[in-house]
Amino acid sequence: MGSLGAVSTAQAQSGKASWYASGHRTASGERFNPNGLTAAHRSLPFGTRVRVTNQANGRSVVVRINDRGPFAHGRIIDLARGAGRVIGMNGVARVAVAVVD
C-alpha cells in the first residue's frame, strides 16, 4: 500500500462524530453512497481527504469530503455509514480529524 501523505497539523480537530446513511444527493451534487468512504464537514472544501481516528479504539479511515454538515450541535464531522463501520463507530464517537495532504 502506498503512502497516504503527510497530515496537516494546521487542519487538525477533535470532537464528536456521527454516521449517516440516508440521502439522495450530497451538497457537492454526488449521489450519496451510504457504504462509501465519504464524509460531511461544515467548511473543508469538497474533495479534501481527511483521516478520521476513533479515539476509543485507535482505528482510522481516510475519507473524502463530499457533503455539508453535521447539523447536530457539538459534532465536527458526519461519516457515511461505511466509513463509520471501518473505525468501529456505534452511534456517536469521539474522533480526531486531520487533513491528509
N, C-alpha and C. Protein backbone atom coordinates (compact mmCIF):
# COMPACT_ATOMS: atom_id res chain seq x y z
N MET A 1 0.85 -1.17 0.00
CA MET A 1 0.00 0.00 0.00
C MET A 1 0.89 1.23 0.00
N GLY A 2 0.52 2.24 -0.76
CA GLY A 2 1.31 3.45 -0.86
C GLY A 2 1.08 4.38 0.31
N SER A 3 1.91 5.40 0.37
CA SER A 3 1.79 6.41 1.41
C SER A 3 0.53 7.23 1.20
N LEU A 4 -0.11 7.58 2.29
CA LEU A 4 -1.31 8.42 2.21
C LEU A 4 -0.96 9.89 2.31
N GLY A 5 0.31 10.20 2.48
CA GLY A 5 0.73 11.59 2.53
C GLY A 5 0.85 12.10 3.94
N ALA A 6 1.37 13.30 4.06
CA ALA A 6 1.56 13.93 5.36
C ALA A 6 0.24 14.48 5.88
N VAL A 7 0.12 14.50 7.18
CA VAL A 7 -1.08 15.04 7.81
C VAL A 7 -0.81 16.49 8.19
N SER A 8 -1.71 17.37 7.85
CA SER A 8 -1.56 18.79 8.14
C SER A 8 -2.01 19.07 9.57
N THR A 9 -1.06 19.49 10.41
CA THR A 9 -1.42 19.81 11.79
C THR A 9 -2.22 21.10 11.87
N ALA A 10 -2.11 21.94 10.85
CA ALA A 10 -2.88 23.19 10.84
C ALA A 10 -4.37 22.93 10.67
N GLN A 11 -4.74 21.76 10.17
CA GLN A 11 -6.14 21.44 9.91
C GLN A 11 -6.62 20.30 10.81
N ALA A 12 -6.03 20.13 11.99
CA ALA A 12 -6.43 19.04 12.89
C ALA A 12 -7.54 19.51 13.83
N GLN A 13 -8.48 18.61 14.10
CA GLN A 13 -9.59 18.88 15.02
C GLN A 13 -9.86 17.62 15.83
N SER A 14 -10.47 17.78 16.97
CA SER A 14 -11.00 16.62 17.68
C SER A 14 -12.38 17.00 18.22
N GLY A 15 -13.23 16.00 18.31
CA GLY A 15 -14.59 16.23 18.76
C GLY A 15 -15.45 15.03 18.46
N LYS A 16 -16.75 15.24 18.43
CA LYS A 16 -17.70 14.15 18.23
C LYS A 16 -18.03 13.97 16.75
N ALA A 17 -18.18 12.72 16.39
CA ALA A 17 -18.59 12.36 15.03
C ALA A 17 -19.80 11.45 15.10
N SER A 18 -20.57 11.45 14.04
CA SER A 18 -21.68 10.50 13.91
C SER A 18 -21.64 9.98 12.48
N TRP A 19 -22.47 8.98 12.21
CA TRP A 19 -22.56 8.48 10.84
C TRP A 19 -23.98 8.64 10.35
N TYR A 20 -24.11 8.69 9.04
CA TYR A 20 -25.44 8.82 8.45
C TYR A 20 -25.55 7.91 7.25
N ALA A 21 -26.77 7.50 6.94
CA ALA A 21 -26.97 6.51 5.89
C ALA A 21 -28.11 6.86 4.95
N SER A 22 -28.64 8.06 5.07
CA SER A 22 -29.76 8.40 4.20
C SER A 22 -29.43 9.64 3.37
N GLY A 23 -30.16 9.81 2.33
CA GLY A 23 -29.97 10.97 1.46
C GLY A 23 -29.84 10.52 0.02
N HIS A 24 -30.16 11.41 -0.89
CA HIS A 24 -30.12 11.07 -2.31
C HIS A 24 -28.94 11.73 -3.00
N ARG A 25 -28.72 12.98 -2.73
CA ARG A 25 -27.61 13.72 -3.32
C ARG A 25 -26.87 14.45 -2.20
N THR A 26 -25.57 14.56 -2.36
CA THR A 26 -24.78 15.32 -1.39
C THR A 26 -24.76 16.79 -1.80
N ALA A 27 -24.24 17.63 -0.94
CA ALA A 27 -24.14 19.06 -1.26
C ALA A 27 -23.23 19.31 -2.45
N SER A 28 -22.32 18.37 -2.74
CA SER A 28 -21.43 18.52 -3.90
C SER A 28 -22.09 18.05 -5.19
N GLY A 29 -23.30 17.48 -5.08
CA GLY A 29 -24.03 17.02 -6.26
C GLY A 29 -23.88 15.54 -6.55
N GLU A 30 -23.04 14.85 -5.78
CA GLU A 30 -22.86 13.41 -5.99
C GLU A 30 -24.05 12.64 -5.43
N ARG A 31 -24.27 11.45 -5.99
CA ARG A 31 -25.26 10.54 -5.40
C ARG A 31 -24.65 10.00 -4.11
N PHE A 32 -25.40 10.06 -3.01
CA PHE A 32 -24.90 9.58 -1.72
C PHE A 32 -24.76 8.07 -1.72
N ASN A 33 -23.62 7.58 -1.26
CA ASN A 33 -23.37 6.14 -1.12
C ASN A 33 -23.19 5.85 0.36
N PRO A 34 -24.18 5.25 1.02
CA PRO A 34 -24.07 5.02 2.46
C PRO A 34 -22.92 4.10 2.84
N ASN A 35 -22.45 3.28 1.91
CA ASN A 35 -21.35 2.37 2.20
C ASN A 35 -20.00 2.94 1.79
N GLY A 36 -19.97 4.18 1.34
CA GLY A 36 -18.74 4.79 0.86
C GLY A 36 -17.84 5.29 1.96
N LEU A 37 -16.65 5.71 1.56
CA LEU A 37 -15.68 6.30 2.48
C LEU A 37 -15.67 7.81 2.25
N THR A 38 -16.81 8.42 2.60
CA THR A 38 -17.01 9.85 2.41
C THR A 38 -17.53 10.45 3.71
N ALA A 39 -17.57 11.80 3.74
CA ALA A 39 -18.00 12.47 4.96
C ALA A 39 -18.53 13.86 4.66
N ALA A 40 -19.25 14.40 5.64
CA ALA A 40 -19.75 15.77 5.59
C ALA A 40 -18.99 16.60 6.61
N HIS A 41 -18.56 17.79 6.18
CA HIS A 41 -17.86 18.73 7.05
C HIS A 41 -18.40 20.12 6.75
N ARG A 42 -18.43 20.98 7.76
CA ARG A 42 -19.02 22.30 7.57
C ARG A 42 -18.23 23.21 6.64
N SER A 43 -16.90 23.12 6.66
CA SER A 43 -16.12 24.14 5.94
C SER A 43 -15.02 23.62 5.02
N LEU A 44 -14.57 22.39 5.18
CA LEU A 44 -13.49 21.91 4.31
C LEU A 44 -13.98 21.82 2.87
N PRO A 45 -13.13 22.14 1.91
CA PRO A 45 -13.55 22.08 0.50
C PRO A 45 -13.92 20.66 0.08
N PHE A 46 -14.88 20.55 -0.83
CA PHE A 46 -15.22 19.24 -1.39
C PHE A 46 -13.97 18.64 -2.02
N GLY A 47 -13.80 17.34 -1.83
CA GLY A 47 -12.63 16.65 -2.37
C GLY A 47 -11.48 16.54 -1.39
N THR A 48 -11.52 17.30 -0.29
CA THR A 48 -10.46 17.21 0.72
C THR A 48 -10.49 15.82 1.34
N ARG A 49 -9.30 15.23 1.51
CA ARG A 49 -9.20 13.92 2.17
C ARG A 49 -8.76 14.15 3.61
N VAL A 50 -9.46 13.50 4.53
CA VAL A 50 -9.12 13.61 5.95
C VAL A 50 -9.02 12.23 6.57
N ARG A 51 -8.10 12.11 7.52
CA ARG A 51 -8.00 10.88 8.31
C ARG A 51 -8.83 11.09 9.56
N VAL A 52 -9.76 10.17 9.81
CA VAL A 52 -10.62 10.21 11.00
C VAL A 52 -10.22 9.04 11.88
N THR A 53 -9.84 9.33 13.13
CA THR A 53 -9.40 8.29 14.06
C THR A 53 -10.36 8.22 15.23
N ASN A 54 -10.89 7.03 15.47
CA ASN A 54 -11.76 6.78 16.62
C ASN A 54 -10.86 6.76 17.85
N GLN A 55 -11.04 7.71 18.76
CA GLN A 55 -10.16 7.83 19.91
C GLN A 55 -10.38 6.72 20.94
N ALA A 56 -11.48 6.00 20.85
CA ALA A 56 -11.74 4.92 21.80
C ALA A 56 -10.97 3.65 21.45
N ASN A 57 -10.72 3.42 20.14
CA ASN A 57 -10.05 2.17 19.76
C ASN A 57 -8.84 2.35 18.85
N GLY A 58 -8.54 3.58 18.45
CA GLY A 58 -7.37 3.85 17.62
C GLY A 58 -7.53 3.54 16.14
N ARG A 59 -8.68 3.02 15.73
CA ARG A 59 -8.88 2.69 14.32
C ARG A 59 -9.12 3.96 13.52
N SER A 60 -8.58 3.99 12.28
CA SER A 60 -8.73 5.18 11.46
C SER A 60 -9.11 4.82 10.03
N VAL A 61 -9.63 5.83 9.34
CA VAL A 61 -10.03 5.69 7.95
C VAL A 61 -9.79 7.04 7.26
N VAL A 62 -9.41 6.99 5.99
CA VAL A 62 -9.29 8.21 5.20
C VAL A 62 -10.57 8.35 4.39
N VAL A 63 -11.22 9.50 4.52
CA VAL A 63 -12.47 9.77 3.81
C VAL A 63 -12.32 11.02 2.97
N ARG A 64 -13.20 11.16 2.00
CA ARG A 64 -13.23 12.33 1.12
C ARG A 64 -14.46 13.15 1.47
N ILE A 65 -14.27 14.45 1.65
CA ILE A 65 -15.39 15.35 1.97
C ILE A 65 -16.20 15.59 0.70
N ASN A 66 -17.50 15.23 0.76
CA ASN A 66 -18.38 15.44 -0.40
C ASN A 66 -19.75 15.99 -0.01
N ASP A 67 -19.89 16.38 1.27
CA ASP A 67 -21.19 16.85 1.74
C ASP A 67 -20.98 17.91 2.82
N ARG A 68 -22.04 18.60 3.19
CA ARG A 68 -22.01 19.60 4.25
C ARG A 68 -22.73 19.09 5.48
N GLY A 69 -22.28 19.50 6.62
CA GLY A 69 -22.80 19.08 7.90
C GLY A 69 -21.61 18.90 8.83
N PRO A 70 -21.78 18.36 9.98
CA PRO A 70 -23.03 17.90 10.56
C PRO A 70 -23.87 19.08 11.07
N PHE A 71 -25.13 18.81 11.24
CA PHE A 71 -26.04 19.84 11.70
C PHE A 71 -26.47 19.63 13.14
N ALA A 72 -25.95 18.60 13.80
CA ALA A 72 -26.21 18.36 15.22
C ALA A 72 -25.18 19.13 16.04
N HIS A 73 -25.62 19.82 17.06
CA HIS A 73 -24.74 20.63 17.91
C HIS A 73 -23.62 19.77 18.51
N GLY A 74 -22.42 20.29 18.48
CA GLY A 74 -21.29 19.63 19.13
C GLY A 74 -20.56 18.60 18.30
N ARG A 75 -21.00 18.37 17.07
CA ARG A 75 -20.33 17.39 16.22
C ARG A 75 -19.47 18.10 15.18
N ILE A 76 -18.34 17.47 14.83
CA ILE A 76 -17.42 18.11 13.89
C ILE A 76 -17.41 17.46 12.51
N ILE A 77 -17.92 16.23 12.40
CA ILE A 77 -17.92 15.52 11.12
C ILE A 77 -19.01 14.46 11.14
N ASP A 78 -19.62 14.22 10.00
CA ASP A 78 -20.56 13.11 9.80
C ASP A 78 -19.95 12.17 8.78
N LEU A 79 -19.84 10.91 9.12
CA LEU A 79 -19.28 9.91 8.22
C LEU A 79 -20.38 9.13 7.53
N ALA A 80 -20.14 8.74 6.28
CA ALA A 80 -21.03 7.77 5.65
C ALA A 80 -20.95 6.49 6.50
N ARG A 81 -22.02 5.74 6.53
CA ARG A 81 -22.10 4.53 7.35
C ARG A 81 -20.90 3.61 7.13
N GLY A 82 -20.47 3.45 5.87
CA GLY A 82 -19.34 2.57 5.55
C GLY A 82 -18.07 3.00 6.26
N ALA A 83 -17.81 4.29 6.30
CA ALA A 83 -16.62 4.80 6.98
C ALA A 83 -16.74 4.61 8.50
N GLY A 84 -17.93 4.81 9.03
CA GLY A 84 -18.15 4.59 10.45
C GLY A 84 -17.89 3.15 10.85
N ARG A 85 -18.28 2.23 10.00
CA ARG A 85 -18.04 0.80 10.28
C ARG A 85 -16.55 0.49 10.32
N VAL A 86 -15.79 1.09 9.40
CA VAL A 86 -14.34 0.83 9.35
C VAL A 86 -13.67 1.17 10.68
N ILE A 87 -14.11 2.26 11.31
CA ILE A 87 -13.46 2.65 12.57
C ILE A 87 -14.22 2.17 13.80
N GLY A 88 -15.20 1.31 13.60
CA GLY A 88 -15.90 0.70 14.73
C GLY A 88 -16.81 1.63 15.49
N MET A 89 -17.44 2.57 14.78
CA MET A 89 -18.36 3.50 15.43
C MET A 89 -19.70 2.85 15.70
N ASN A 90 -20.24 3.14 16.85
CA ASN A 90 -21.60 2.78 17.21
C ASN A 90 -22.29 4.06 17.63
N GLY A 91 -23.02 4.68 16.72
CA GLY A 91 -23.66 5.96 17.05
C GLY A 91 -22.67 7.10 17.01
N VAL A 92 -22.51 7.80 18.13
CA VAL A 92 -21.60 8.95 18.22
C VAL A 92 -20.30 8.50 18.86
N ALA A 93 -19.17 9.00 18.32
CA ALA A 93 -17.86 8.64 18.86
C ALA A 93 -16.98 9.88 18.92
N ARG A 94 -16.04 9.88 19.83
CA ARG A 94 -15.04 10.95 19.89
C ARG A 94 -13.94 10.60 18.91
N VAL A 95 -13.61 11.55 18.03
CA VAL A 95 -12.64 11.29 16.96
C VAL A 95 -11.63 12.43 16.86
N ALA A 96 -10.51 12.12 16.20
CA ALA A 96 -9.55 13.12 15.76
C ALA A 96 -9.65 13.18 14.25
N VAL A 97 -9.64 14.38 13.70
CA VAL A 97 -9.75 14.58 12.26
C VAL A 97 -8.56 15.40 11.81
N ALA A 98 -7.86 14.93 10.77
CA ALA A 98 -6.71 15.67 10.24
C ALA A 98 -6.72 15.60 8.72
N VAL A 99 -6.48 16.73 8.09
CA VAL A 99 -6.40 16.78 6.63
C VAL A 99 -5.16 16.00 6.18
N VAL A 100 -5.33 15.19 5.14
CA VAL A 100 -4.23 14.44 4.55
C VAL A 100 -3.83 15.17 3.28
N ASP A 101 -2.56 15.57 3.20
CA ASP A 101 -2.07 16.30 2.02
C ASP A 101 -1.82 15.37 0.85
